[in-house]
Structure formats: C-alpha cells, structure tokens
Amino acid sequence: MNSQWPYSTPGIPDDLFIREKVPMTKEEIRILTLAKARLAPGQIVWDIGSGTGSISVEAALLVPGGKVFAVEKNARATQLTIQNAEKFGVNNLITVPGEAPAVLHDLPDPHRVIIGGSGGNLHHILQLAVNRLKPGGRIVANAVTVETFNHCTQFFTGLNWEAILVNISRTVPAGNVRMWRALNPVYIFTLEK
C-alpha cells in the first residue's frame, strides 16, 4: 500500500501530482474516465496522450499484475509521468515516448485504451486501437474540443458506443464566502468491442 494514496478507489487530488504547466486530466474527470474503462487486475492499458501521467498512475494502481503504457510525445510530460509513477510507487507503468499511432505498433494488444490527447492523429489512433483491442475491450476517449467531439461521433457511428457530457464545478474562496467555479465541460466517449 502506498503512503501517498492508501485507498483502493481512484480520485487522487490534483495537487498531489507533480504537474508544472503540462496538461492534466482533472480529478473528477479522471474518476469517471477510469470508471468507464472498467479496469481489472492483469489488464494491458494504453493511455494515449498521457500528459502528467495522472490517469496512467491511477490506472496502474487499479490493474495489479497488468501493465499501463503511458504514450506521450512531449518529453517534459514523459519525465513528469516517470516522477509521478515513482511518487505513487507504481512499478507497472511503462512510459512510451513518441507520437501515436507510430509508437503503438510494438505494444502488446490492449484490454483498455484511454485517449486524452491525439496530437491531430485521432482518426488513425482510433482505427489502430479498434483493430488491436482485445475482444470485450473498451476504448475511453475524452473530448474537450468541438472538433474532437465531432470526430469521435463520426468515427463511432455503427459501433457499440455511448457518450456522457460532464460539467463539473468546484467551490473556490471569494473573500469571506465560497463561490462555484466551472471546469471545462468534457465529453467522455466509451466504445466496447
């Protein structure tokens, strides 16, 4: 059990991750993304566009005996993923520096694919992921932009998929009171093979 996160549930607070200015999936979205992935021990997970590695770290904690491949083209983000993996004591997280889909070809076939970023290669990443996904596997793609939403909707047509729209607000101090501050809305697409 890790002293940084001694719980069996996802939801590591954002401020526990080493982040700097690298994109990171917020805690509440991370929880829903991981729940939609339906992770289990022994699974192979691809986290594409892993950023700081927040999803990769939490996924690694949820798939003991399995492996999480954190795919990221930004060198600084890859280093932060390594630091966060060390901080939370996960040894089943493997960083894969480089751009998807090119770096995915040598990875083992996944049970789960989580897509947080695509670098403009979403169609090719989705095509490869669907082709390589094990039977009964799941793809979870988070869409923050309208373009990503449109692309996922078009790509998944005719396949076994669903989507949810998540609007999260958090309280923040405002003088002597607290106010609500909205986070960016996120569409979470889930495809099951």
N, C-alpha and C. Protein backbone atom coordinates (compact mmCIF):
# COMPACT_ATOMS: atom_id res chain seq x y z
N MET A 1 0.86 -1.19 0.00
CA MET A 1 0.00 0.00 0.00
C MET A 1 0.89 1.24 0.00
N ASN A 2 0.55 2.21 -0.83
CA ASN A 2 1.35 3.41 -0.99
C ASN A 2 0.91 4.48 0.01
N SER A 3 1.88 5.09 0.69
CA SER A 3 1.54 6.10 1.68
C SER A 3 1.00 7.38 1.04
N GLN A 4 1.33 7.61 -0.25
CA GLN A 4 0.82 8.79 -0.94
C GLN A 4 -0.67 8.65 -1.26
N TRP A 5 -1.13 7.42 -1.51
CA TRP A 5 -2.54 7.16 -1.82
C TRP A 5 -2.89 5.77 -1.29
N PRO A 6 -3.27 5.68 -0.01
CA PRO A 6 -3.50 4.38 0.62
C PRO A 6 -4.91 3.81 0.40
N TYR A 7 -5.61 4.29 -0.61
CA TYR A 7 -7.01 3.90 -0.83
C TYR A 7 -7.13 2.97 -2.04
N SER A 8 -8.22 2.24 -2.11
CA SER A 8 -8.43 1.34 -3.24
C SER A 8 -9.33 1.97 -4.30
N THR A 9 -9.71 3.21 -4.12
CA THR A 9 -10.55 3.91 -5.08
C THR A 9 -9.73 4.95 -5.84
N PRO A 10 -10.14 5.27 -7.08
CA PRO A 10 -9.47 6.37 -7.78
C PRO A 10 -9.91 7.70 -7.19
N GLY A 11 -9.22 8.75 -7.56
CA GLY A 11 -9.59 10.08 -7.09
C GLY A 11 -8.47 10.78 -6.37
N ILE A 12 -7.23 10.53 -6.79
CA ILE A 12 -6.10 11.23 -6.19
C ILE A 12 -6.28 12.73 -6.46
N PRO A 13 -6.21 13.57 -5.42
CA PRO A 13 -6.38 15.01 -5.63
C PRO A 13 -5.33 15.56 -6.61
N ASP A 14 -5.77 16.50 -7.42
CA ASP A 14 -4.89 17.09 -8.44
C ASP A 14 -3.58 17.60 -7.87
N ASP A 15 -3.66 18.23 -6.69
CA ASP A 15 -2.45 18.86 -6.15
C ASP A 15 -1.42 17.87 -5.62
N LEU A 16 -1.74 16.59 -5.58
CA LEU A 16 -0.74 15.59 -5.18
C LEU A 16 0.16 15.19 -6.35
N PHE A 17 -0.27 15.49 -7.57
CA PHE A 17 0.54 15.17 -8.74
C PHE A 17 1.55 16.28 -9.02
N ILE A 18 2.72 15.89 -9.50
CA ILE A 18 3.71 16.85 -9.97
C ILE A 18 3.25 17.26 -11.37
N ARG A 19 3.03 18.56 -11.59
CA ARG A 19 2.38 18.95 -12.84
C ARG A 19 3.15 19.96 -13.67
N GLU A 20 3.64 21.02 -13.06
CA GLU A 20 4.20 22.16 -13.78
C GLU A 20 3.12 22.72 -14.71
N LYS A 21 3.45 22.95 -16.00
CA LYS A 21 2.46 23.52 -16.93
C LYS A 21 1.97 22.50 -17.93
N VAL A 22 2.16 21.23 -17.63
CA VAL A 22 1.76 20.15 -18.53
C VAL A 22 0.27 19.83 -18.31
N PRO A 23 -0.50 19.60 -19.39
CA PRO A 23 -1.92 19.29 -19.23
C PRO A 23 -2.15 18.06 -18.34
N MET A 24 -3.23 18.12 -17.57
CA MET A 24 -3.58 17.03 -16.68
C MET A 24 -5.10 16.88 -16.62
N THR A 25 -5.57 15.65 -16.69
CA THR A 25 -6.99 15.38 -16.54
C THR A 25 -7.38 15.64 -15.09
N LYS A 26 -8.38 16.47 -14.89
CA LYS A 26 -8.81 16.83 -13.54
C LYS A 26 -9.38 15.63 -12.79
N GLU A 27 -9.28 15.68 -11.48
CA GLU A 27 -9.66 14.57 -10.60
C GLU A 27 -11.03 13.97 -10.91
N GLU A 28 -12.05 14.81 -11.01
CA GLU A 28 -13.41 14.29 -11.21
C GLU A 28 -13.56 13.62 -12.57
N ILE A 29 -12.95 14.19 -13.60
CA ILE A 29 -12.99 13.59 -14.94
C ILE A 29 -12.19 12.29 -14.95
N ARG A 30 -11.06 12.30 -14.25
CA ARG A 30 -10.23 11.10 -14.13
C ARG A 30 -11.02 9.95 -13.50
N ILE A 31 -11.76 10.24 -12.44
CA ILE A 31 -12.57 9.22 -11.77
C ILE A 31 -13.57 8.60 -12.74
N LEU A 32 -14.30 9.45 -13.46
CA LEU A 32 -15.30 8.95 -14.41
C LEU A 32 -14.65 8.21 -15.57
N THR A 33 -13.52 8.70 -16.06
CA THR A 33 -12.81 8.04 -17.16
C THR A 33 -12.39 6.63 -16.74
N LEU A 34 -11.82 6.51 -15.55
CA LEU A 34 -11.38 5.21 -15.05
C LEU A 34 -12.56 4.28 -14.79
N ALA A 35 -13.67 4.83 -14.30
CA ALA A 35 -14.86 4.01 -14.08
C ALA A 35 -15.40 3.49 -15.41
N LYS A 36 -15.43 4.34 -16.43
CA LYS A 36 -15.91 3.92 -17.75
C LYS A 36 -14.97 2.89 -18.39
N ALA A 37 -13.69 2.93 -18.04
CA ALA A 37 -12.73 1.96 -18.59
C ALA A 37 -12.95 0.56 -18.00
N ARG A 38 -13.54 0.48 -16.80
CA ARG A 38 -13.77 -0.81 -16.14
C ARG A 38 -12.49 -1.63 -16.06
N LEU A 39 -11.56 -1.10 -15.31
CA LEU A 39 -10.25 -1.72 -15.15
C LEU A 39 -10.31 -2.91 -14.20
N ALA A 40 -9.39 -3.86 -14.42
CA ALA A 40 -9.33 -5.06 -13.58
C ALA A 40 -7.88 -5.54 -13.52
N PRO A 41 -7.53 -6.32 -12.50
CA PRO A 41 -6.17 -6.85 -12.40
C PRO A 41 -5.77 -7.60 -13.67
N GLY A 42 -4.48 -7.44 -14.03
CA GLY A 42 -3.91 -8.17 -15.16
C GLY A 42 -4.12 -7.56 -16.52
N GLN A 43 -4.86 -6.46 -16.61
CA GLN A 43 -5.13 -5.88 -17.92
C GLN A 43 -3.93 -5.12 -18.49
N ILE A 44 -3.90 -5.04 -19.83
CA ILE A 44 -2.97 -4.19 -20.56
C ILE A 44 -3.74 -2.94 -20.93
N VAL A 45 -3.21 -1.77 -20.53
CA VAL A 45 -3.89 -0.49 -20.76
C VAL A 45 -2.95 0.43 -21.53
N TRP A 46 -3.48 1.05 -22.59
CA TRP A 46 -2.77 2.13 -23.28
C TRP A 46 -3.39 3.45 -22.84
N ASP A 47 -2.57 4.37 -22.37
CA ASP A 47 -3.02 5.73 -22.06
C ASP A 47 -2.34 6.65 -23.06
N ILE A 48 -3.09 7.06 -24.08
CA ILE A 48 -2.53 7.83 -25.19
C ILE A 48 -2.72 9.32 -24.95
N GLY A 49 -1.63 10.08 -25.02
CA GLY A 49 -1.66 11.49 -24.68
C GLY A 49 -1.71 11.62 -23.17
N SER A 50 -0.76 10.97 -22.50
CA SER A 50 -0.83 10.80 -21.04
C SER A 50 -0.51 12.05 -20.24
N GLY A 51 0.08 13.07 -20.86
CA GLY A 51 0.35 14.31 -20.12
C GLY A 51 1.20 14.04 -18.89
N THR A 52 0.74 14.46 -17.72
CA THR A 52 1.49 14.27 -16.47
C THR A 52 1.47 12.83 -15.99
N GLY A 53 0.64 12.00 -16.60
CA GLY A 53 0.53 10.61 -16.17
C GLY A 53 -0.49 10.39 -15.07
N SER A 54 -1.37 11.35 -14.83
CA SER A 54 -2.33 11.18 -13.73
C SER A 54 -3.26 9.98 -13.96
N ILE A 55 -3.76 9.83 -15.18
CA ILE A 55 -4.60 8.66 -15.48
C ILE A 55 -3.75 7.39 -15.48
N SER A 56 -2.56 7.46 -16.04
CA SER A 56 -1.68 6.29 -16.07
C SER A 56 -1.37 5.78 -14.67
N VAL A 57 -1.04 6.69 -13.76
CA VAL A 57 -0.73 6.31 -12.38
C VAL A 57 -1.94 5.65 -11.72
N GLU A 58 -3.10 6.29 -11.84
CA GLU A 58 -4.29 5.73 -11.19
C GLU A 58 -4.68 4.39 -11.82
N ALA A 59 -4.53 4.28 -13.15
CA ALA A 59 -4.83 3.01 -13.82
C ALA A 59 -3.88 1.93 -13.35
N ALA A 60 -2.60 2.26 -13.21
CA ALA A 60 -1.61 1.28 -12.75
C ALA A 60 -1.95 0.76 -11.36
N LEU A 61 -2.47 1.63 -10.51
CA LEU A 61 -2.88 1.19 -9.18
C LEU A 61 -4.08 0.23 -9.23
N LEU A 62 -4.88 0.35 -10.29
CA LEU A 62 -6.11 -0.45 -10.42
C LEU A 62 -5.94 -1.74 -11.22
N VAL A 63 -4.76 -1.94 -11.83
CA VAL A 63 -4.54 -3.16 -12.62
C VAL A 63 -3.31 -3.92 -12.12
N PRO A 64 -3.28 -4.31 -10.84
CA PRO A 64 -2.12 -5.06 -10.36
C PRO A 64 -1.92 -6.31 -11.21
N GLY A 65 -0.66 -6.60 -11.51
CA GLY A 65 -0.36 -7.73 -12.38
C GLY A 65 -0.50 -7.40 -13.86
N GLY A 66 -1.03 -6.23 -14.17
CA GLY A 66 -1.16 -5.77 -15.54
C GLY A 66 -0.10 -4.73 -15.84
N LYS A 67 -0.24 -4.07 -17.00
CA LYS A 67 0.71 -3.03 -17.39
C LYS A 67 -0.04 -1.86 -18.00
N VAL A 68 0.45 -0.67 -17.68
CA VAL A 68 -0.09 0.55 -18.28
C VAL A 68 1.03 1.18 -19.10
N PHE A 69 0.73 1.44 -20.38
CA PHE A 69 1.68 2.08 -21.28
C PHE A 69 1.26 3.53 -21.46
N ALA A 70 2.06 4.45 -20.92
CA ALA A 70 1.78 5.89 -20.98
C ALA A 70 2.46 6.45 -22.22
N VAL A 71 1.67 6.76 -23.24
CA VAL A 71 2.18 7.23 -24.53
C VAL A 71 2.11 8.76 -24.56
N GLU A 72 3.25 9.40 -24.77
CA GLU A 72 3.28 10.87 -24.74
C GLU A 72 4.41 11.37 -25.63
N LYS A 73 4.10 12.37 -26.48
CA LYS A 73 5.12 12.91 -27.39
C LYS A 73 5.94 14.04 -26.77
N ASN A 74 5.43 14.66 -25.71
CA ASN A 74 6.13 15.77 -25.06
C ASN A 74 7.14 15.20 -24.06
N ALA A 75 8.42 15.51 -24.27
CA ALA A 75 9.49 14.93 -23.44
C ALA A 75 9.35 15.33 -21.97
N ARG A 76 8.98 16.59 -21.70
CA ARG A 76 8.85 17.02 -20.30
C ARG A 76 7.68 16.29 -19.64
N ALA A 77 6.59 16.10 -20.37
CA ALA A 77 5.44 15.38 -19.81
C ALA A 77 5.83 13.94 -19.50
N THR A 78 6.62 13.32 -20.36
CA THR A 78 7.08 11.95 -20.10
C THR A 78 7.88 11.90 -18.81
N GLN A 79 8.75 12.88 -18.60
CA GLN A 79 9.54 12.93 -17.36
C GLN A 79 8.64 13.10 -16.14
N LEU A 80 7.60 13.92 -16.26
CA LEU A 80 6.66 14.10 -15.14
C LEU A 80 5.90 12.81 -14.86
N THR A 81 5.57 12.07 -15.91
CA THR A 81 4.90 10.78 -15.71
C THR A 81 5.80 9.84 -14.92
N ILE A 82 7.07 9.81 -15.26
CA ILE A 82 8.03 8.97 -14.54
C ILE A 82 8.11 9.41 -13.07
N GLN A 83 8.18 10.71 -12.84
CA GLN A 83 8.24 11.23 -11.46
C GLN A 83 6.97 10.88 -10.69
N ASN A 84 5.81 11.03 -11.33
CA ASN A 84 4.55 10.72 -10.64
C ASN A 84 4.43 9.22 -10.37
N ALA A 85 4.90 8.38 -11.29
CA ALA A 85 4.89 6.93 -11.06
C ALA A 85 5.75 6.58 -9.85
N GLU A 86 6.93 7.21 -9.76
CA GLU A 86 7.81 6.97 -8.61
C GLU A 86 7.17 7.48 -7.32
N LYS A 87 6.55 8.64 -7.39
CA LYS A 87 5.93 9.22 -6.19
C LYS A 87 4.85 8.32 -5.63
N PHE A 88 4.07 7.68 -6.51
CA PHE A 88 2.97 6.83 -6.06
C PHE A 88 3.34 5.35 -6.02
N GLY A 89 4.60 5.06 -6.25
CA GLY A 89 5.10 3.71 -6.07
C GLY A 89 4.55 2.67 -7.04
N VAL A 90 4.21 3.09 -8.26
CA VAL A 90 3.71 2.11 -9.23
C VAL A 90 4.88 1.61 -10.08
N ASN A 91 4.98 0.29 -10.22
CA ASN A 91 6.08 -0.28 -10.99
C ASN A 91 5.57 -1.00 -12.24
N ASN A 92 4.28 -0.87 -12.52
CA ASN A 92 3.70 -1.50 -13.72
C ASN A 92 3.30 -0.45 -14.76
N LEU A 93 3.92 0.72 -14.69
CA LEU A 93 3.68 1.81 -15.64
C LEU A 93 4.92 1.94 -16.51
N ILE A 94 4.74 1.85 -17.81
CA ILE A 94 5.84 1.95 -18.76
C ILE A 94 5.61 3.18 -19.63
N THR A 95 6.56 4.11 -19.63
CA THR A 95 6.42 5.28 -20.48
C THR A 95 6.84 4.92 -21.90
N VAL A 96 6.09 5.46 -22.86
CA VAL A 96 6.36 5.24 -24.28
C VAL A 96 6.48 6.62 -24.93
N PRO A 97 7.71 7.17 -24.99
CA PRO A 97 7.88 8.47 -25.59
C PRO A 97 7.70 8.40 -27.11
N GLY A 98 7.00 9.38 -27.64
CA GLY A 98 6.81 9.43 -29.09
C GLY A 98 5.37 9.71 -29.45
N GLU A 99 5.14 9.79 -30.74
CA GLU A 99 3.83 10.19 -31.24
C GLU A 99 2.99 8.98 -31.67
N ALA A 100 1.77 8.95 -31.19
CA ALA A 100 0.81 7.92 -31.62
C ALA A 100 0.24 8.35 -32.97
N PRO A 101 -0.04 7.41 -33.85
CA PRO A 101 -0.09 5.97 -33.64
C PRO A 101 1.24 5.25 -33.89
N ALA A 102 2.27 5.94 -34.37
CA ALA A 102 3.51 5.26 -34.76
C ALA A 102 4.11 4.41 -33.64
N VAL A 103 4.11 4.93 -32.41
CA VAL A 103 4.76 4.20 -31.31
C VAL A 103 3.89 3.08 -30.73
N LEU A 104 2.66 2.93 -31.21
CA LEU A 104 1.76 1.92 -30.67
C LEU A 104 2.00 0.53 -31.27
N HIS A 105 2.62 0.46 -32.42
CA HIS A 105 2.74 -0.81 -33.15
C HIS A 105 3.46 -1.91 -32.38
N ASP A 106 4.44 -1.56 -31.56
CA ASP A 106 5.21 -2.57 -30.84
C ASP A 106 4.64 -2.89 -29.46
N LEU A 107 3.55 -2.24 -29.07
CA LEU A 107 2.95 -2.51 -27.76
C LEU A 107 2.09 -3.77 -27.82
N PRO A 108 1.93 -4.47 -26.70
CA PRO A 108 1.02 -5.62 -26.70
C PRO A 108 -0.42 -5.17 -26.90
N ASP A 109 -1.25 -6.05 -27.47
CA ASP A 109 -2.66 -5.72 -27.68
C ASP A 109 -3.32 -5.37 -26.36
N PRO A 110 -4.11 -4.28 -26.34
CA PRO A 110 -4.67 -3.81 -25.08
C PRO A 110 -6.05 -4.39 -24.76
N HIS A 111 -6.34 -4.43 -23.47
CA HIS A 111 -7.70 -4.69 -22.98
C HIS A 111 -8.47 -3.36 -22.91
N ARG A 112 -7.73 -2.29 -22.64
CA ARG A 112 -8.32 -0.96 -22.50
C ARG A 112 -7.42 0.07 -23.17
N VAL A 113 -8.06 1.06 -23.81
CA VAL A 113 -7.35 2.19 -24.40
C VAL A 113 -8.03 3.46 -23.90
N ILE A 114 -7.24 4.34 -23.32
CA ILE A 114 -7.74 5.62 -22.85
C ILE A 114 -7.05 6.70 -23.68
N ILE A 115 -7.85 7.58 -24.28
CA ILE A 115 -7.29 8.62 -25.15
C ILE A 115 -7.60 9.98 -24.55
N GLY A 116 -6.54 10.66 -24.13
CA GLY A 116 -6.68 12.00 -23.58
C GLY A 116 -6.19 13.07 -24.54
N GLY A 117 -5.32 12.67 -25.45
CA GLY A 117 -4.78 13.60 -26.45
C GLY A 117 -4.37 12.81 -27.67
N SER A 118 -4.45 13.47 -28.83
CA SER A 118 -4.16 12.74 -30.07
C SER A 118 -3.18 13.46 -30.97
N GLY A 119 -2.83 14.68 -30.66
CA GLY A 119 -1.89 15.42 -31.50
C GLY A 119 -2.35 15.57 -32.94
N GLY A 120 -3.65 15.57 -33.17
CA GLY A 120 -4.18 15.70 -34.52
C GLY A 120 -4.27 14.39 -35.28
N ASN A 121 -3.95 13.28 -34.62
CA ASN A 121 -3.97 11.96 -35.27
C ASN A 121 -5.11 11.08 -34.78
N LEU A 122 -6.19 11.68 -34.34
CA LEU A 122 -7.26 10.91 -33.68
C LEU A 122 -7.81 9.79 -34.56
N HIS A 123 -8.07 10.07 -35.83
CA HIS A 123 -8.65 9.04 -36.70
C HIS A 123 -7.74 7.80 -36.77
N HIS A 124 -6.46 8.02 -36.99
CA HIS A 124 -5.52 6.90 -37.12
C HIS A 124 -5.34 6.17 -35.79
N ILE A 125 -5.35 6.93 -34.69
CA ILE A 125 -5.23 6.30 -33.36
C ILE A 125 -6.45 5.44 -33.09
N LEU A 126 -7.64 5.97 -33.35
CA LEU A 126 -8.87 5.20 -33.12
C LEU A 126 -8.91 3.96 -33.99
N GLN A 127 -8.52 4.09 -35.26
CA GLN A 127 -8.53 2.94 -36.17
C GLN A 127 -7.61 1.84 -35.66
N LEU A 128 -6.40 2.21 -35.28
CA LEU A 128 -5.45 1.23 -34.76
C LEU A 128 -5.95 0.62 -33.45
N ALA A 129 -6.50 1.46 -32.57
CA ALA A 129 -6.98 0.98 -31.28
C ALA A 129 -8.13 -0.02 -31.46
N VAL A 130 -9.08 0.28 -32.34
CA VAL A 130 -10.20 -0.63 -32.58
C VAL A 130 -9.68 -1.96 -33.15
N ASN A 131 -8.73 -1.90 -34.06
CA ASN A 131 -8.19 -3.11 -34.67
C ASN A 131 -7.40 -3.97 -33.69
N ARG A 132 -6.68 -3.34 -32.78
CA ARG A 132 -5.81 -4.08 -31.86
C ARG A 132 -6.49 -4.46 -30.54
N LEU A 133 -7.60 -3.81 -30.24
CA LEU A 133 -8.30 -4.04 -28.97
C LEU A 133 -8.74 -5.49 -28.85
N LYS A 134 -8.50 -6.09 -27.69
CA LYS A 134 -8.92 -7.47 -27.45
C LYS A 134 -10.45 -7.54 -27.41
N PRO A 135 -11.03 -8.68 -27.77
CA PRO A 135 -12.49 -8.83 -27.68
C PRO A 135 -12.99 -8.53 -26.27
N GLY A 136 -14.06 -7.77 -26.18
CA GLY A 136 -14.58 -7.34 -24.88
C GLY A 136 -13.87 -6.13 -24.33
N GLY A 137 -12.87 -5.63 -25.08
CA GLY A 137 -12.11 -4.46 -24.64
C GLY A 137 -12.89 -3.17 -24.76
N ARG A 138 -12.36 -2.13 -24.14
CA ARG A 138 -13.03 -0.83 -24.13
C ARG A 138 -12.05 0.28 -24.50
N ILE A 139 -12.57 1.26 -25.24
CA ILE A 139 -11.85 2.49 -25.54
C ILE A 139 -12.61 3.62 -24.85
N VAL A 140 -11.89 4.45 -24.12
CA VAL A 140 -12.49 5.63 -23.50
C VAL A 140 -11.74 6.84 -24.03
N ALA A 141 -12.46 7.74 -24.69
CA ALA A 141 -11.85 8.93 -25.27
C ALA A 141 -12.49 10.18 -24.68
N ASN A 142 -11.65 11.07 -24.16
CA ASN A 142 -12.15 12.32 -23.60
C ASN A 142 -12.04 13.42 -24.65
N ALA A 143 -13.14 14.14 -24.85
CA ALA A 143 -13.19 15.20 -25.85
C ALA A 143 -13.48 16.53 -25.16
N VAL A 144 -12.55 17.45 -25.28
CA VAL A 144 -12.71 18.79 -24.72
C VAL A 144 -13.11 19.76 -25.82
N THR A 145 -12.62 19.52 -27.05
CA THR A 145 -12.91 20.43 -28.15
C THR A 145 -14.10 19.94 -28.97
N VAL A 146 -14.74 20.86 -29.66
CA VAL A 146 -15.85 20.53 -30.55
C VAL A 146 -15.37 19.60 -31.66
N GLU A 147 -14.17 19.86 -32.16
CA GLU A 147 -13.63 19.04 -33.24
C GLU A 147 -13.43 17.59 -32.80
N THR A 148 -12.91 17.38 -31.61
CA THR A 148 -12.73 16.02 -31.11
C THR A 148 -14.08 15.35 -30.90
N PHE A 149 -15.04 16.08 -30.36
CA PHE A 149 -16.39 15.55 -30.19
C PHE A 149 -16.95 15.10 -31.54
N ASN A 150 -16.86 15.96 -32.56
CA ASN A 150 -17.38 15.63 -33.88
C ASN A 150 -16.67 14.41 -34.47
N HIS A 151 -15.36 14.37 -34.32
CA HIS A 151 -14.60 13.25 -34.88
C HIS A 151 -14.98 11.94 -34.21
N CYS A 152 -15.09 11.93 -32.90
CA CYS A 152 -15.48 10.71 -32.18
C CYS A 152 -16.88 10.27 -32.59
N THR A 153 -17.80 11.20 -32.67
CA THR A 153 -19.18 10.87 -33.04
C THR A 153 -19.22 10.23 -34.43
N GLN A 154 -18.49 10.80 -35.38
CA GLN A 154 -18.46 10.24 -36.73
C GLN A 154 -17.77 8.88 -36.76
N PHE A 155 -16.64 8.76 -36.07
CA PHE A 155 -15.88 7.51 -36.11
C PHE A 155 -16.67 6.36 -35.49
N PHE A 156 -17.34 6.61 -34.37
CA PHE A 156 -18.01 5.55 -33.63
C PHE A 156 -19.37 5.16 -34.21
N THR A 157 -19.87 5.90 -35.19
CA THR A 157 -21.17 5.57 -35.79
C THR A 157 -21.17 4.12 -36.28
N GLY A 158 -22.19 3.38 -35.89
CA GLY A 158 -22.31 1.99 -36.29
C GLY A 158 -21.61 1.01 -35.36
N LEU A 159 -20.87 1.54 -34.38
CA LEU A 159 -20.18 0.69 -33.40
C LEU A 159 -20.94 0.73 -32.07
N ASN A 160 -20.53 -0.08 -31.13
CA ASN A 160 -21.17 -0.16 -29.81
C ASN A 160 -20.57 0.90 -28.88
N TRP A 161 -21.17 2.10 -28.86
CA TRP A 161 -20.60 3.20 -28.09
C TRP A 161 -21.68 4.00 -27.37
N GLU A 162 -21.21 4.80 -26.41
CA GLU A 162 -22.05 5.77 -25.69
C GLU A 162 -21.19 6.97 -25.35
N ALA A 163 -21.82 8.05 -24.96
CA ALA A 163 -21.09 9.24 -24.53
C ALA A 163 -21.86 9.92 -23.41
N ILE A 164 -21.10 10.56 -22.52
CA ILE A 164 -21.70 11.39 -21.48
C ILE A 164 -21.04 12.77 -21.55
N LEU A 165 -21.79 13.78 -21.17
CA LEU A 165 -21.25 15.13 -21.05
C LEU A 165 -21.13 15.43 -19.57
N VAL A 166 -19.94 15.83 -19.15
CA VAL A 166 -19.68 16.08 -17.74
C VAL A 166 -19.39 17.57 -17.54
N ASN A 167 -20.20 18.19 -16.69
CA ASN A 167 -19.99 19.58 -16.29
C ASN A 167 -19.71 19.58 -14.79
N ILE A 168 -18.52 19.97 -14.41
CA ILE A 168 -18.10 19.96 -13.01
C ILE A 168 -17.83 21.39 -12.57
N SER A 169 -18.29 21.72 -11.37
CA SER A 169 -17.95 22.99 -10.75
C SER A 169 -17.39 22.70 -9.37
N ARG A 170 -16.41 23.50 -8.98
CA ARG A 170 -15.79 23.37 -7.66
C ARG A 170 -15.98 24.67 -6.90
N THR A 171 -16.01 24.56 -5.58
CA THR A 171 -16.06 25.79 -4.78
C THR A 171 -14.66 26.37 -4.66
N VAL A 172 -14.61 27.70 -4.70
CA VAL A 172 -13.34 28.42 -4.52
C VAL A 172 -13.58 29.58 -3.56
N PRO A 173 -12.57 29.94 -2.78
CA PRO A 173 -12.73 31.07 -1.86
C PRO A 173 -12.93 32.37 -2.64
N ALA A 174 -13.83 33.20 -2.13
CA ALA A 174 -14.07 34.54 -2.69
C ALA A 174 -14.32 35.47 -1.51
N GLY A 175 -13.23 35.96 -0.93
CA GLY A 175 -13.36 36.77 0.27
C GLY A 175 -13.78 35.90 1.45
N ASN A 176 -14.89 36.27 2.09
CA ASN A 176 -15.38 35.52 3.24
C ASN A 176 -16.37 34.42 2.87
N VAL A 177 -16.61 34.23 1.59
CA VAL A 177 -17.58 33.22 1.14
C VAL A 177 -16.90 32.31 0.12
N ARG A 178 -17.66 31.34 -0.34
CA ARG A 178 -17.16 30.44 -1.39
C ARG A 178 -18.12 30.53 -2.57
N MET A 179 -17.55 30.49 -3.76
CA MET A 179 -18.35 30.54 -4.99
C MET A 179 -18.04 29.31 -5.83
N TRP A 180 -18.92 29.05 -6.80
CA TRP A 180 -18.70 27.95 -7.73
C TRP A 180 -17.87 28.42 -8.91
N ARG A 181 -16.86 27.59 -9.29
CA ARG A 181 -16.08 27.86 -10.49
C ARG A 181 -16.16 26.62 -11.37
N ALA A 182 -16.66 26.83 -12.60
CA ALA A 182 -16.85 25.72 -13.53
C ALA A 182 -15.54 25.32 -14.18
N LEU A 183 -15.36 24.01 -14.36
CA LEU A 183 -14.27 23.48 -15.16
C LEU A 183 -14.77 23.34 -16.59
N ASN A 184 -13.88 23.14 -17.53
CA ASN A 184 -14.30 22.92 -18.91
C ASN A 184 -15.19 21.68 -18.99
N PRO A 185 -16.28 21.75 -19.75
CA PRO A 185 -17.09 20.54 -19.95
C PRO A 185 -16.30 19.52 -20.76
N VAL A 186 -16.52 18.24 -20.48
CA VAL A 186 -15.80 17.17 -21.14
C VAL A 186 -16.81 16.09 -21.58
N TYR A 187 -16.72 15.69 -22.84
CA TYR A 187 -17.47 14.53 -23.31
C TYR A 187 -16.59 13.30 -23.10
N ILE A 188 -17.16 12.27 -22.52
CA ILE A 188 -16.44 11.02 -22.34
C ILE A 188 -17.13 9.97 -23.20
N PHE A 189 -16.41 9.54 -24.24
CA PHE A 189 -16.92 8.51 -25.16
C PHE A 189 -16.41 7.15 -24.69
N THR A 190 -17.27 6.15 -24.76
CA THR A 190 -16.87 4.78 -24.41
C THR A 190 -17.33 3.86 -25.53
N LEU A 191 -16.39 3.07 -26.04
CA LEU A 191 -16.67 2.06 -27.06
C LEU A 191 -16.33 0.70 -26.49
N GLU A 192 -17.20 -0.27 -26.70
CA GLU A 192 -16.90 -1.64 -26.28
C GLU A 192 -16.85 -2.54 -27.50
N LYS A 193 -15.81 -3.35 -27.60
CA LYS A 193 -15.62 -4.22 -28.75
C LYS A 193 -16.33 -5.56 -28.51
